[in-house]
Amino acid sequence: MSAAALPGQEIIDAGLEDLARGNASVPALLVLIGAPRLRRLGVAVPPAPVPDPEHRLYEMLAAREGDAAHARYNALIRRLVSYERAAACAE
């Protein structure tokens, strides 16, 4: 299975690109949340001095999506976990 076929690959790629540019976007914060496991899976996650990426992500979503922030946050975390599980199986 190619990496492009993994579920969530597009958000991981976008997050890595944003981190490389120093942009703390939603995808970048999601990558930082998953950084320990992603690194173990061989993904080159750059170090980023963002304290509490979980809280930053939720705050960003709450500002943009109001009452829907909780559901969106959980959906993004599920997408991250799906990517991590698929990448582990593809190893």
PDB file of N, CA and C in Angstrom:
ATOM      1  N   MET A   1       0.847  -1.171   0.000  1.00  0.00           N
ATOM      2  CA  MET A   1       0.000   0.000   0.000  1.00  0.00           C
ATOM      3  C   MET A   1       0.892   1.235   0.000  1.00  0.00           C
ATOM      4  N   SER A   2       0.641   2.164  -0.888  1.00  0.00           N
ATOM      5  CA  SER A   2       1.449   3.379  -0.922  1.00  0.00           C
ATOM      6  C   SER A   2       1.004   4.317   0.180  1.00  0.00           C
ATOM      7  N   ALA A   3       1.932   5.192   0.600  1.00  0.00           N
ATOM      8  CA  ALA A   3       1.613   6.143   1.670  1.00  0.00           C
ATOM      9  C   ALA A   3       0.451   7.045   1.274  1.00  0.00           C
ATOM     10  N   ALA A   4       0.327   7.357   0.001  1.00  0.00           N
ATOM     11  CA  ALA A   4      -0.750   8.233  -0.458  1.00  0.00           C
ATOM     12  C   ALA A   4      -2.118   7.578  -0.264  1.00  0.00           C
ATOM     13  N   ALA A   5      -2.151   6.252  -0.151  1.00  0.00           N
ATOM     14  CA  ALA A   5      -3.411   5.545  -0.008  1.00  0.00           C
ATOM     15  C   ALA A   5      -3.867   5.446   1.448  1.00  0.00           C
ATOM     16  N   LEU A   6      -3.055   5.892   2.386  1.00  0.00           N
ATOM     17  CA  LEU A   6      -3.427   5.789   3.787  1.00  0.00           C
ATOM     18  C   LEU A   6      -4.513   6.808   4.136  1.00  0.00           C
ATOM     19  N   PRO A   7      -5.479   6.397   4.940  1.00  0.00           N
ATOM     20  CA  PRO A   7      -6.517   7.340   5.343  1.00  0.00           C
ATOM     21  C   PRO A   7      -5.912   8.461   6.180  1.00  0.00           C
ATOM     22  N   GLY A   8      -6.216   9.682   5.818  1.00  0.00           N
ATOM     23  CA  GLY A   8      -5.692  10.823   6.563  1.00  0.00           C
ATOM     24  C   GLY A   8      -4.357  11.340   6.063  1.00  0.00           C
ATOM     25  N   GLN A   9      -3.804  10.718   5.038  1.00  0.00           N
ATOM     26  CA  GLN A   9      -2.494  11.143   4.528  1.00  0.00           C
ATOM     27  C   GLN A   9      -2.487  12.625   4.160  1.00  0.00           C
ATOM     28  N   GLU A  10      -3.581  13.102   3.574  1.00  0.00           N
ATOM     29  CA  GLU A  10      -3.629  14.498   3.129  1.00  0.00           C
ATOM     30  C   GLU A  10      -3.509  15.472   4.298  1.00  0.00           C
ATOM     31  N   ILE A  11      -4.106  15.147   5.430  1.00  0.00           N
ATOM     32  CA  ILE A  11      -4.023  16.054   6.578  1.00  0.00           C
ATOM     33  C   ILE A  11      -2.644  15.984   7.231  1.00  0.00           C
ATOM     34  N   ILE A  12      -2.036  14.807   7.232  1.00  0.00           N
ATOM     35  CA  ILE A  12      -0.677  14.660   7.777  1.00  0.00           C
ATOM     36  C   ILE A  12       0.301  15.436   6.900  1.00  0.00           C
ATOM     37  N   ASP A  13       0.189  15.281   5.581  1.00  0.00           N
ATOM     38  CA  ASP A  13       1.063  16.017   4.660  1.00  0.00           C
ATOM     39  C   ASP A  13       0.905  17.524   4.828  1.00  0.00           C
ATOM     40  N   ALA A  14      -0.339  17.987   4.920  1.00  0.00           N
ATOM     41  CA  ALA A  14      -0.587  19.424   5.103  1.00  0.00           C
ATOM     42  C   ALA A  14      -0.002  19.906   6.420  1.00  0.00           C
ATOM     43  N   GLY A  15      -0.147  19.108   7.475  1.00  0.00           N
ATOM     44  CA  GLY A  15       0.402  19.480   8.780  1.00  0.00           C
ATOM     45  C   GLY A  15       1.914  19.561   8.763  1.00  0.00           C
ATOM     46  N   LEU A  16       2.557  18.612   8.106  1.00  0.00           N
ATOM     47  CA  LEU A  16       4.022  18.629   8.012  1.00  0.00           C
ATOM     48  C   LEU A  16       4.501  19.847   7.225  1.00  0.00           C
ATOM     49  N   GLU A  17       3.807  20.160   6.145  1.00  0.00           N
ATOM     50  CA  GLU A  17       4.169  21.349   5.355  1.00  0.00           C
ATOM     51  C   GLU A  17       3.989  22.620   6.175  1.00  0.00           C
ATOM     52  N   ASP A  18       2.891  22.717   6.912  1.00  0.00           N
ATOM     53  CA  ASP A  18       2.657  23.903   7.734  1.00  0.00           C
ATOM     54  C   ASP A  18       3.697  24.026   8.845  1.00  0.00           C
ATOM     55  N   LEU A  19       4.065  22.906   9.459  1.00  0.00           N
ATOM     56  CA  LEU A  19       5.094  22.953  10.498  1.00  0.00           C
ATOM     57  C   LEU A  19       6.425  23.417   9.927  1.00  0.00           C
ATOM     58  N   ALA A  20       6.756  22.956   8.737  1.00  0.00           N
ATOM     59  CA  ALA A  20       8.012  23.371   8.098  1.00  0.00           C
ATOM     60  C   ALA A  20       8.036  24.872   7.847  1.00  0.00           C
ATOM     61  N   ARG A  21       6.853  25.464   7.627  1.00  0.00           N
ATOM     62  CA  ARG A  21       6.737  26.911   7.403  1.00  0.00           C
ATOM     63  C   ARG A  21       6.555  27.695   8.704  1.00  0.00           C
ATOM     64  N   GLY A  22       6.421  26.983   9.825  1.00  0.00           N
ATOM     65  CA  GLY A  22       6.211  27.658  11.098  1.00  0.00           C
ATOM     66  C   GLY A  22       4.774  28.080  11.331  1.00  0.00           C
ATOM     67  N   ASN A  23       3.840  27.456  10.612  1.00  0.00           N
ATOM     68  CA  ASN A  23       2.427  27.796  10.707  1.00  0.00           C
ATOM     69  C   ASN A  23       1.717  26.805  11.627  1.00  0.00           C
ATOM     70  N   ALA A  24       1.151  27.291  12.720  1.00  0.00           N
ATOM     71  CA  ALA A  24       0.436  26.432  13.666  1.00  0.00           C
ATOM     72  C   ALA A  24      -1.025  26.295  13.242  1.00  0.00           C
ATOM     73  N   SER A  25      -1.250  25.628  12.126  1.00  0.00           N
ATOM     74  CA  SER A  25      -2.587  25.415  11.571  1.00  0.00           C
ATOM     75  C   SER A  25      -3.252  24.216  12.249  1.00  0.00           C
ATOM     76  N   VAL A  26      -4.505  23.980  11.899  1.00  0.00           N
ATOM     77  CA  VAL A  26      -5.209  22.806  12.414  1.00  0.00           C
ATOM     78  C   VAL A  26      -4.458  21.522  12.047  1.00  0.00           C
ATOM     79  N   PRO A  27      -4.074  21.311  10.785  1.00  0.00           N
ATOM     80  CA  PRO A  27      -3.314  20.089  10.471  1.00  0.00           C
ATOM     81  C   PRO A  27      -1.976  20.016  11.209  1.00  0.00           C
ATOM     82  N   ALA A  28      -1.293  21.149  11.357  1.00  0.00           N
ATOM     83  CA  ALA A  28      -0.007  21.153  12.059  1.00  0.00           C
ATOM     84  C   ALA A  28      -0.182  20.751  13.523  1.00  0.00           C
ATOM     85  N   LEU A  29      -1.195  21.291  14.168  1.00  0.00           N
ATOM     86  CA  LEU A  29      -1.438  20.938  15.568  1.00  0.00           C
ATOM     87  C   LEU A  29      -1.815  19.471  15.698  1.00  0.00           C
ATOM     88  N   LEU A  30      -2.560  18.950  14.745  1.00  0.00           N
ATOM     89  CA  LEU A  30      -2.914  17.533  14.765  1.00  0.00           C
ATOM     90  C   LEU A  30      -1.662  16.662  14.647  1.00  0.00           C
ATOM     91  N   VAL A  31      -0.749  17.049  13.767  1.00  0.00           N
ATOM     92  CA  VAL A  31       0.511  16.308  13.628  1.00  0.00           C
ATOM     93  C   VAL A  31       1.307  16.371  14.934  1.00  0.00           C
ATOM     94  N   LEU A  32       1.322  17.519  15.584  1.00  0.00           N
ATOM     95  CA  LEU A  32       2.042  17.634  16.852  1.00  0.00           C
ATOM     96  C   LEU A  32       1.419  16.754  17.934  1.00  0.00           C
ATOM     97  N   ILE A  33       0.110  16.639  17.932  1.00  0.00           N
ATOM     98  CA  ILE A  33      -0.547  15.756  18.892  1.00  0.00           C
ATOM     99  C   ILE A  33      -0.083  14.316  18.684  1.00  0.00           C
ATOM    100  N   GLY A  34       0.022  13.912  17.435  1.00  0.00           N
ATOM    101  CA  GLY A  34       0.439  12.546  17.121  1.00  0.00           C
ATOM    102  C   GLY A  34       1.935  12.359  16.966  1.00  0.00           C
ATOM    103  N   ALA A  35       2.722  13.392  17.208  1.00  0.00           N
ATOM    104  CA  ALA A  35       4.162  13.355  16.922  1.00  0.00           C
ATOM    105  C   ALA A  35       4.902  12.156  17.515  1.00  0.00           C
ATOM    106  N   PRO A  36       4.708  11.807  18.778  1.00  0.00           N
ATOM    107  CA  PRO A  36       5.481  10.660  19.301  1.00  0.00           C
ATOM    108  C   PRO A  36       5.252   9.375  18.499  1.00  0.00           C
ATOM    109  N   ARG A  37       4.002   9.058  18.246  1.00  0.00           N
ATOM    110  CA  ARG A  37       3.722   7.825  17.495  1.00  0.00           C
ATOM    111  C   ARG A  37       4.122   7.968  16.034  1.00  0.00           C
ATOM    112  N   LEU A  38       3.887   9.131  15.445  1.00  0.00           N
ATOM    113  CA  LEU A  38       4.281   9.341  14.054  1.00  0.00           C
ATOM    114  C   LEU A  38       5.784   9.167  13.885  1.00  0.00           C
ATOM    115  N   ARG A  39       6.555   9.700  14.819  1.00  0.00           N
ATOM    116  CA  ARG A  39       8.024   9.531  14.736  1.00  0.00           C
ATOM    117  C   ARG A  39       8.407   8.059  14.826  1.00  0.00           C
ATOM    118  N   ARG A  40       7.746   7.318  15.717  1.00  0.00           N
ATOM    119  CA  ARG A  40       8.038   5.878  15.822  1.00  0.00           C
ATOM    120  C   ARG A  40       7.700   5.142  14.531  1.00  0.00           C
ATOM    121  N   LEU A  41       6.748   5.696  13.772  1.00  0.00           N
ATOM    122  CA  LEU A  41       6.351   5.093  12.493  1.00  0.00           C
ATOM    123  C   LEU A  41       7.231   5.552  11.338  1.00  0.00           C
ATOM    124  N   GLY A  42       8.212   6.409  11.639  1.00  0.00           N
ATOM    125  CA  GLY A  42       9.149   6.858  10.613  1.00  0.00           C
ATOM    126  C   GLY A  42       8.801   8.173   9.943  1.00  0.00           C
ATOM    127  N   VAL A  43       7.793   8.867  10.445  1.00  0.00           N
ATOM    128  CA  VAL A  43       7.428  10.169   9.885  1.00  0.00           C
ATOM    129  C   VAL A  43       8.345  11.225  10.503  1.00  0.00           C
ATOM    130  N   ALA A  44       8.968  12.023   9.669  1.00  0.00           N
ATOM    131  CA  ALA A  44       9.901  13.052  10.143  1.00  0.00           C
ATOM    132  C   ALA A  44       9.119  14.288  10.586  1.00  0.00           C
ATOM    133  N   VAL A  45       8.710  14.293  11.834  1.00  0.00           N
ATOM    134  CA  VAL A  45       7.970  15.422  12.397  1.00  0.00           C
ATOM    135  C   VAL A  45       8.989  16.398  12.983  1.00  0.00           C
ATOM    136  N   PRO A  46       9.031  17.621  12.454  1.00  0.00           N
ATOM    137  CA  PRO A  46       9.995  18.581  12.979  1.00  0.00           C
ATOM    138  C   PRO A  46       9.623  19.018  14.394  1.00  0.00           C
ATOM    139  N   PRO A  47      10.622  19.308  15.205  1.00  0.00           N
ATOM    140  CA  PRO A  47      10.301  19.816  16.547  1.00  0.00           C
ATOM    141  C   PRO A  47       9.639  21.188  16.416  1.00  0.00           C
ATOM    142  N   ALA A  48       8.616  21.397  17.191  1.00  0.00           N
ATOM    143  CA  ALA A  48       7.918  22.683  17.148  1.00  0.00           C
ATOM    144  C   ALA A  48       7.586  23.098  18.577  1.00  0.00           C
ATOM    145  N   PRO A  49       7.955  24.302  18.933  1.00  0.00           N
ATOM    146  CA  PRO A  49       7.724  24.753  20.312  1.00  0.00           C
ATOM    147  C   PRO A  49       6.280  25.220  20.517  1.00  0.00           C
ATOM    148  N   VAL A  50       5.356  24.289  20.422  1.00  0.00           N
ATOM    149  CA  VAL A  50       3.947  24.620  20.644  1.00  0.00           C
ATOM    150  C   VAL A  50       3.506  23.891  21.907  1.00  0.00           C
ATOM    151  N   PRO A  51       3.357  24.620  23.002  1.00  0.00           N
ATOM    152  CA  PRO A  51       2.903  23.955  24.224  1.00  0.00           C
ATOM    153  C   PRO A  51       1.433  23.559  24.108  1.00  0.00           C
ATOM    154  N   ASP A  52       1.100  22.422  24.636  1.00  0.00           N
ATOM    155  CA  ASP A  52      -0.277  21.924  24.671  1.00  0.00           C
ATOM    156  C   ASP A  52      -0.993  21.995  23.318  1.00  0.00           C
ATOM    157  N   PRO A  53      -0.513  21.262  22.322  1.00  0.00           N
ATOM    158  CA  PRO A  53      -1.171  21.331  21.011  1.00  0.00           C
ATOM    159  C   PRO A  53      -2.634  20.891  21.072  1.00  0.00           C
ATOM    160  N   GLU A  54      -2.971  20.005  22.026  1.00  0.00           N
ATOM    161  CA  GLU A  54      -4.360  19.577  22.154  1.00  0.00           C
ATOM    162  C   GLU A  54      -5.264  20.765  22.484  1.00  0.00           C
ATOM    163  N   HIS A  55      -4.827  21.562  23.472  1.00  0.00           N
ATOM    164  CA  HIS A  55      -5.620  22.725  23.873  1.00  0.00           C
ATOM    165  C   HIS A  55      -5.643  23.795  22.783  1.00  0.00           C
ATOM    166  N   ARG A  56      -4.515  24.012  22.140  1.00  0.00           N
ATOM    167  CA  ARG A  56      -4.480  24.998  21.049  1.00  0.00           C
ATOM    168  C   ARG A  56      -5.429  24.611  19.928  1.00  0.00           C
ATOM    169  N   LEU A  57      -5.417  23.320  19.578  1.00  0.00           N
ATOM    170  CA  LEU A  57      -6.303  22.849  18.514  1.00  0.00           C
ATOM    171  C   LEU A  57      -7.762  23.084  18.909  1.00  0.00           C
ATOM    172  N   TYR A  58      -8.127  22.708  20.128  1.00  0.00           N
ATOM    173  CA  TYR A  58      -9.509  22.874  20.548  1.00  0.00           C
ATOM    174  C   TYR A  58      -9.907  24.350  20.566  1.00  0.00           C
ATOM    175  N   GLU A  59      -9.028  25.197  21.064  1.00  0.00           N
ATOM    176  CA  GLU A  59      -9.322  26.634  21.092  1.00  0.00           C
ATOM    177  C   GLU A  59      -9.509  27.192  19.678  1.00  0.00           C
ATOM    178  N   MET A  60      -8.663  26.743  18.760  1.00  0.00           N
ATOM    179  CA  MET A  60      -8.765  27.196  17.377  1.00  0.00           C
ATOM    180  C   MET A  60     -10.097  26.753  16.766  1.00  0.00           C
ATOM    181  N   LEU A  61     -10.466  25.502  17.019  1.00  0.00           N
ATOM    182  CA  LEU A  61     -11.725  24.989  16.500  1.00  0.00           C
ATOM    183  C   LEU A  61     -12.916  25.700  17.136  1.00  0.00           C
ATOM    184  N   ALA A  62     -12.838  25.969  18.430  1.00  0.00           N
ATOM    185  CA  ALA A  62     -13.935  26.654  19.122  1.00  0.00           C
ATOM    186  C   ALA A  62     -14.133  28.058  18.562  1.00  0.00           C
ATOM    187  N   ALA A  63     -13.043  28.733  18.231  1.00  0.00           N
ATOM    188  CA  ALA A  63     -13.146  30.084  17.665  1.00  0.00           C
ATOM    189  C   ALA A  63     -13.784  30.047  16.286  1.00  0.00           C
ATOM    190  N   ARG A  64     -13.512  28.990  15.520  1.00  0.00           N
ATOM    191  CA  ARG A  64     -14.016  28.903  14.153  1.00  0.00           C
ATOM    192  C   ARG A  64     -15.379  28.239  14.055  1.00  0.00           C
ATOM    193  N   GLU A  65     -15.634  27.266  14.931  1.00  0.00           N
ATOM    194  CA  GLU A  65     -16.805  26.427  14.750  1.00  0.00           C
ATOM    195  C   GLU A  65     -17.792  26.461  15.908  1.00  0.00           C
ATOM    196  N   GLY A  66     -17.504  27.226  16.919  1.00  0.00           N
ATOM    197  CA  GLY A  66     -18.435  27.371  18.041  1.00  0.00           C
ATOM    198  C   GLY A  66     -18.803  26.049  18.687  1.00  0.00           C
ATOM    199  N   ASP A  67     -20.105  25.790  18.774  1.00  0.00           N
ATOM    200  CA  ASP A  67     -20.603  24.589  19.444  1.00  0.00           C
ATOM    201  C   ASP A  67     -20.194  23.290  18.750  1.00  0.00           C
ATOM    202  N   ALA A  68     -19.804  23.356  17.512  1.00  0.00           N
ATOM    203  CA  ALA A  68     -19.401  22.154  16.771  1.00  0.00           C
ATOM    204  C   ALA A  68     -17.942  21.784  17.013  1.00  0.00           C
ATOM    205  N   ALA A  69     -17.231  22.559  17.823  1.00  0.00           N
ATOM    206  CA  ALA A  69     -15.799  22.329  18.035  1.00  0.00           C
ATOM    207  C   ALA A  69     -15.509  20.945  18.604  1.00  0.00           C
ATOM    208  N   HIS A  70     -16.293  20.505  19.557  1.00  0.00           N
ATOM    209  CA  HIS A  70     -16.040  19.215  20.195  1.00  0.00           C
ATOM    210  C   HIS A  70     -16.145  18.069  19.188  1.00  0.00           C
ATOM    211  N   ALA A  71     -17.191  18.090  18.399  1.00  0.00           N
ATOM    212  CA  ALA A  71     -17.371  17.040  17.392  1.00  0.00           C
ATOM    213  C   ALA A  71     -16.257  17.088  16.353  1.00  0.00           C
ATOM    214  N   ARG A  72     -15.870  18.280  15.922  1.00  0.00           N
ATOM    215  CA  ARG A  72     -14.798  18.418  14.925  1.00  0.00           C
ATOM    216  C   ARG A  72     -13.465  17.946  15.497  1.00  0.00           C
ATOM    217  N   TYR A  73     -13.181  18.304  16.754  1.00  0.00           N
ATOM    218  CA  TYR A  73     -11.949  17.875  17.415  1.00  0.00           C
ATOM    219  C   TYR A  73     -11.883  16.345  17.447  1.00  0.00           C
ATOM    220  N   ASN A  74     -12.970  15.721  17.881  1.00  0.00           N
ATOM    221  CA  ASN A  74     -12.986  14.257  17.947  1.00  0.00           C
ATOM    222  C   ASN A  74     -12.838  13.627  16.567  1.00  0.00           C
ATOM    223  N   ALA A  75     -13.433  14.213  15.548  1.00  0.00           N
ATOM    224  CA  ALA A  75     -13.295  13.692  14.189  1.00  0.00           C
ATOM    225  C   ALA A  75     -11.847  13.770  13.712  1.00  0.00           C
ATOM    226  N   LEU A  76     -11.188  14.875  14.027  1.00  0.00           N
ATOM    227  CA  LEU A  76      -9.777  15.022  13.633  1.00  0.00           C
ATOM    228  C   LEU A  76      -8.892  14.015  14.363  1.00  0.00           C
ATOM    229  N   ILE A  77      -9.141  13.800  15.639  1.00  0.00           N
ATOM    230  CA  ILE A  77      -8.356  12.821  16.398  1.00  0.00           C
ATOM    231  C   ILE A  77      -8.594  11.419  15.832  1.00  0.00           C
ATOM    232  N   ARG A  78      -9.828  11.101  15.483  1.00  0.00           N
ATOM    233  CA  ARG A  78     -10.103   9.792  14.870  1.00  0.00           C
ATOM    234  C   ARG A  78      -9.365   9.641  13.544  1.00  0.00           C
ATOM    235  N   ARG A  79      -9.285  10.720  12.776  1.00  0.00           N
ATOM    236  CA  ARG A  79      -8.566  10.691  11.494  1.00  0.00           C
ATOM    237  C   ARG A  79      -7.077  10.440  11.729  1.00  0.00           C
ATOM    238  N   LEU A  80      -6.515  11.078  12.735  1.00  0.00           N
ATOM    239  CA  LEU A  80      -5.114  10.866  13.089  1.00  0.00           C
ATOM    240  C   LEU A  80      -4.872   9.412  13.487  1.00  0.00           C
ATOM    241  N   VAL A  81      -5.721   8.880  14.334  1.00  0.00           N
ATOM    242  CA  VAL A  81      -5.572   7.496  14.789  1.00  0.00           C
ATOM    243  C   VAL A  81      -5.719   6.523  13.621  1.00  0.00           C
ATOM    244  N   SER A  82      -6.640   6.802  12.705  1.00  0.00           N
ATOM    245  CA  SER A  82      -6.785   5.948  11.521  1.00  0.00           C
ATOM    246  C   SER A  82      -5.502   5.935  10.703  1.00  0.00           C
ATOM    247  N   TYR A  83      -4.911   7.111  10.534  1.00  0.00           N
ATOM    248  CA  TYR A  83      -3.646   7.186   9.783  1.00  0.00           C
ATOM    249  C   TYR A  83      -2.567   6.380  10.510  1.00  0.00           C
ATOM    250  N   GLU A  84      -2.450   6.581  11.808  1.00  0.00           N
ATOM    251  CA  GLU A  84      -1.393   5.897  12.564  1.00  0.00           C
ATOM    252  C   GLU A  84      -1.569   4.371  12.495  1.00  0.00           C
ATOM    253  N   ARG A  85      -2.781   3.905  12.629  1.00  0.00           N
ATOM    254  CA  ARG A  85      -3.031   2.455  12.563  1.00  0.00           C
ATOM    255  C   ARG A  85      -2.731   1.903  11.177  1.00  0.00           C
ATOM    256  N   ALA A  86      -3.153   2.626  10.151  1.00  0.00           N
ATOM    257  CA  ALA A  86      -2.888   2.158   8.781  1.00  0.00           C
ATOM    258  C   ALA A  86      -1.389   2.163   8.484  1.00  0.00           C
ATOM    259  N   ALA A  87      -0.696   3.201   8.961  1.00  0.00           N
ATOM    260  CA  ALA A  87       0.755   3.268   8.732  1.00  0.00           C
ATOM    261  C   ALA A  87       1.469   2.139   9.460  1.00  0.00           C
ATOM    262  N   ALA A  88       1.006   1.793  10.650  1.00  0.00           N
ATOM    263  CA  ALA A  88       1.614   0.685  11.391  1.00  0.00           C
ATOM    264  C   ALA A  88       1.406  -0.634  10.662  1.00  0.00           C
ATOM    265  N   CYS A  89       0.238  -0.811  10.074  1.00  0.00           N
ATOM    266  CA  CYS A  89      -0.045  -2.052   9.328  1.00  0.00           C
ATOM    267  C   CYS A  89       0.753  -2.103   8.017  1.00  0.00           C
ATOM    268  N   ALA A  90       1.029  -0.947   7.436  1.00  0.00           N
ATOM    269  CA  ALA A  90       1.741  -0.887   6.155  1.00  0.00           C
ATOM    270  C   ALA A  90       3.240  -1.115   6.320  1.00  0.00           C
ATOM    271  N   GLU A  91       3.727  -1.051   7.540  1.00  0.00           N
ATOM    272  CA  GLU A  91       5.178  -1.216   7.770  1.00  0.00           C
ATOM    273  C   GLU A  91       5.654  -2.591   7.369  1.00  0.00           C
TER     274      GLU A  91
END
